[in-house]
Amino acid sequence: MSELTTTRTYPTPLDEMLRRAQLDDARIAAWPSEAELADAEAAVRAELIANFLAASDQVAIDGALAEARTYDLANPDSPPVLDELAAIRDHSAVAA
């Protein structure tokens, strides 16, 4: 009768270091580049401005301003979108 034995192997410290380095490399490769982040930032800002321009009544305008205010609070290092919206509104008032 043969005995069933299980031999368990454990990774060496070097194997564990290599495995962790591979995981780190995969995380770094999946991280977006600075250009991708800048493009995404510009797209969000453009959408906020487009929503403001498309607002047809006071409720929609207030909603667009609230979204812009929330964005500005979440991104204090970026130029405020509310300033851009105020400039658009002022320019529209002068043109009219």
C-alpha atoms as a PDB file:
ATOM      1  CA  MET A   1       0.000   0.000   0.000  1.00  0.00           C
ATOM      2  CA  SER A   2       1.439   3.341  -1.005  1.00  0.00           C
ATOM      3  CA  GLU A   3       1.277   6.355   1.186  1.00  0.00           C
ATOM      4  CA  LEU A   4      -0.142   9.574  -0.105  1.00  0.00           C
ATOM      5  CA  THR A   5       2.049  12.390   0.974  1.00  0.00           C
ATOM      6  CA  THR A   6       1.877  15.992   0.106  1.00  0.00           C
ATOM      7  CA  THR A   7       5.030  17.972  -0.091  1.00  0.00           C
ATOM      8  CA  ARG A   8       4.496  21.614   0.458  1.00  0.00           C
ATOM      9  CA  THR A   9       6.962  24.099  -0.919  1.00  0.00           C
ATOM     10  CA  TYR A  10       7.281  27.669   0.181  1.00  0.00           C
ATOM     11  CA  PRO A  11       8.623  30.490  -1.924  1.00  0.00           C
ATOM     12  CA  THR A  12      12.063  31.703  -1.129  1.00  0.00           C
ATOM     13  CA  PRO A  13      12.491  35.337  -0.150  1.00  0.00           C
ATOM     14  CA  LEU A  14      13.919  36.009  -3.620  1.00  0.00           C
ATOM     15  CA  ASP A  15      10.869  34.422  -5.285  1.00  0.00           C
ATOM     16  CA  GLU A  16       8.588  36.542  -3.132  1.00  0.00           C
ATOM     17  CA  MET A  17      10.522  39.709  -4.006  1.00  0.00           C
ATOM     18  CA  LEU A  18      10.275  38.893  -7.726  1.00  0.00           C
ATOM     19  CA  ARG A  19       6.544  38.196  -7.445  1.00  0.00           C
ATOM     20  CA  ARG A  20       5.970  41.525  -5.684  1.00  0.00           C
ATOM     21  CA  ALA A  21       8.092  43.352  -8.270  1.00  0.00           C
ATOM     22  CA  GLN A  22       5.956  41.848 -11.046  1.00  0.00           C
ATOM     23  CA  LEU A  23       2.794  43.023  -9.271  1.00  0.00           C
ATOM     24  CA  ASP A  24       4.258  46.495  -8.874  1.00  0.00           C
ATOM     25  CA  ASP A  25       5.223  46.600 -12.548  1.00  0.00           C
ATOM     26  CA  ALA A  26       1.691  45.594 -13.534  1.00  0.00           C
ATOM     27  CA  ARG A  27       0.200  48.332 -11.340  1.00  0.00           C
ATOM     28  CA  ILE A  28       2.548  50.945 -12.795  1.00  0.00           C
ATOM     29  CA  ALA A  29       1.731  49.846 -16.345  1.00  0.00           C
ATOM     30  CA  ALA A  30      -1.991  50.174 -15.641  1.00  0.00           C
ATOM     31  CA  TRP A  31      -1.606  53.675 -14.167  1.00  0.00           C
ATOM     32  CA  PRO A  32      -2.670  56.412 -16.596  1.00  0.00           C
ATOM     33  CA  SER A  33      -0.016  58.686 -18.057  1.00  0.00           C
ATOM     34  CA  GLU A  34       0.112  62.440 -17.456  1.00  0.00           C
ATOM     35  CA  ALA A  35      -1.238  63.039 -20.978  1.00  0.00           C
ATOM     36  CA  GLU A  36      -4.187  60.705 -20.354  1.00  0.00           C
ATOM     37  CA  LEU A  37      -4.955  62.488 -17.078  1.00  0.00           C
ATOM     38  CA  ALA A  38      -4.773  65.893 -18.762  1.00  0.00           C
ATOM     39  CA  ASP A  39      -7.105  64.699 -21.539  1.00  0.00           C
ATOM     40  CA  ALA A  40      -9.608  63.362 -19.007  1.00  0.00           C
ATOM     41  CA  GLU A  41      -9.420  66.614 -17.033  1.00  0.00           C
ATOM     42  CA  ALA A  42     -10.071  68.663 -20.175  1.00  0.00           C
ATOM     43  CA  ALA A  43     -13.006  66.434 -21.120  1.00  0.00           C
ATOM     44  CA  VAL A  44     -14.636  66.886 -17.706  1.00  0.00           C
ATOM     45  CA  ARG A  45     -14.153  70.658 -17.830  1.00  0.00           C
ATOM     46  CA  ALA A  46     -15.582  70.795 -21.365  1.00  0.00           C
ATOM     47  CA  GLU A  47     -18.608  68.768 -20.273  1.00  0.00           C
ATOM     48  CA  LEU A  48     -19.257  71.121 -17.349  1.00  0.00           C
ATOM     49  CA  ILE A  49     -19.116  74.137 -19.670  1.00  0.00           C
ATOM     50  CA  ALA A  50     -21.320  72.396 -22.257  1.00  0.00           C
ATOM     51  CA  ASN A  51     -23.900  71.587 -19.571  1.00  0.00           C
ATOM     52  CA  PHE A  52     -23.944  75.242 -18.522  1.00  0.00           C
ATOM     53  CA  LEU A  53     -24.351  76.441 -22.100  1.00  0.00           C
ATOM     54  CA  ALA A  54     -27.119  73.907 -22.752  1.00  0.00           C
ATOM     55  CA  ALA A  55     -29.084  74.894 -19.634  1.00  0.00           C
ATOM     56  CA  SER A  56     -32.413  76.341 -20.728  1.00  0.00           C
ATOM     57  CA  ASP A  57     -34.043  77.298 -17.436  1.00  0.00           C
ATOM     58  CA  GLN A  58     -32.930  78.494 -14.007  1.00  0.00           C
ATOM     59  CA  VAL A  59     -33.117  75.020 -12.477  1.00  0.00           C
ATOM     60  CA  ALA A  60     -30.762  73.619 -15.138  1.00  0.00           C
ATOM     61  CA  ILE A  61     -28.427  76.620 -14.753  1.00  0.00           C
ATOM     62  CA  ASP A  62     -28.339  76.155 -10.969  1.00  0.00           C
ATOM     63  CA  GLY A  63     -27.614  72.450 -11.450  1.00  0.00           C
ATOM     64  CA  ALA A  64     -24.747  73.178 -13.849  1.00  0.00           C
ATOM     65  CA  LEU A  65     -23.310  75.725 -11.410  1.00  0.00           C
ATOM     66  CA  ALA A  66     -23.598  73.254  -8.533  1.00  0.00           C
ATOM     67  CA  GLU A  67     -21.713  70.615 -10.553  1.00  0.00           C
ATOM     68  CA  ALA A  68     -19.008  73.160 -11.388  1.00  0.00           C
ATOM     69  CA  ARG A  69     -18.757  74.223  -7.734  1.00  0.00           C
ATOM     70  CA  THR A  70     -18.392  70.588  -6.651  1.00  0.00           C
ATOM     71  CA  TYR A  71     -15.705  70.061  -9.287  1.00  0.00           C
ATOM     72  CA  ASP A  72     -13.841  73.179  -8.141  1.00  0.00           C
ATOM     73  CA  LEU A  73     -13.932  72.038  -4.509  1.00  0.00           C
ATOM     74  CA  ALA A  74     -12.614  68.602  -5.479  1.00  0.00           C
ATOM     75  CA  ASN A  75      -9.813  70.084  -7.628  1.00  0.00           C
ATOM     76  CA  PRO A  76      -8.339  73.056  -5.752  1.00  0.00           C
ATOM     77  CA  ASP A  77      -5.109  73.005  -7.819  1.00  0.00           C
ATOM     78  CA  SER A  78      -6.956  73.545 -11.127  1.00  0.00           C
ATOM     79  CA  PRO A  79      -8.253  76.897 -12.358  1.00  0.00           C
ATOM     80  CA  PRO A  80     -11.858  77.286 -11.194  1.00  0.00           C
ATOM     81  CA  VAL A  81     -14.524  76.308 -13.718  1.00  0.00           C
ATOM     82  CA  LEU A  82     -16.898  78.751 -12.036  1.00  0.00           C
ATOM     83  CA  ASP A  83     -14.628  81.608 -13.169  1.00  0.00           C
ATOM     84  CA  GLU A  84     -14.860  80.354 -16.746  1.00  0.00           C
ATOM     85  CA  LEU A  85     -18.647  80.113 -16.488  1.00  0.00           C
ATOM     86  CA  ALA A  86     -18.834  83.650 -15.064  1.00  0.00           C
ATOM     87  CA  ALA A  87     -16.707  84.919 -17.954  1.00  0.00           C
ATOM     88  CA  ILE A  88     -19.002  83.166 -20.448  1.00  0.00           C
ATOM     89  CA  ARG A  89     -22.073  84.638 -18.752  1.00  0.00           C
ATOM     90  CA  ASP A  90     -20.543  88.139 -18.699  1.00  0.00           C
ATOM     91  CA  HIS A  91     -19.517  87.879 -22.339  1.00  0.00           C
ATOM     92  CA  SER A  92     -23.010  86.709 -23.280  1.00  0.00           C
ATOM     93  CA  ALA A  93     -24.573  89.624 -21.387  1.00  0.00           C
ATOM     94  CA  VAL A  94     -22.318  92.139 -23.155  1.00  0.00           C
ATOM     95  CA  ALA A  95     -23.020  90.575 -26.569  1.00  0.00           C
ATOM     96  CA  ALA A  96     -26.774  90.687 -26.001  1.00  0.00           C
END
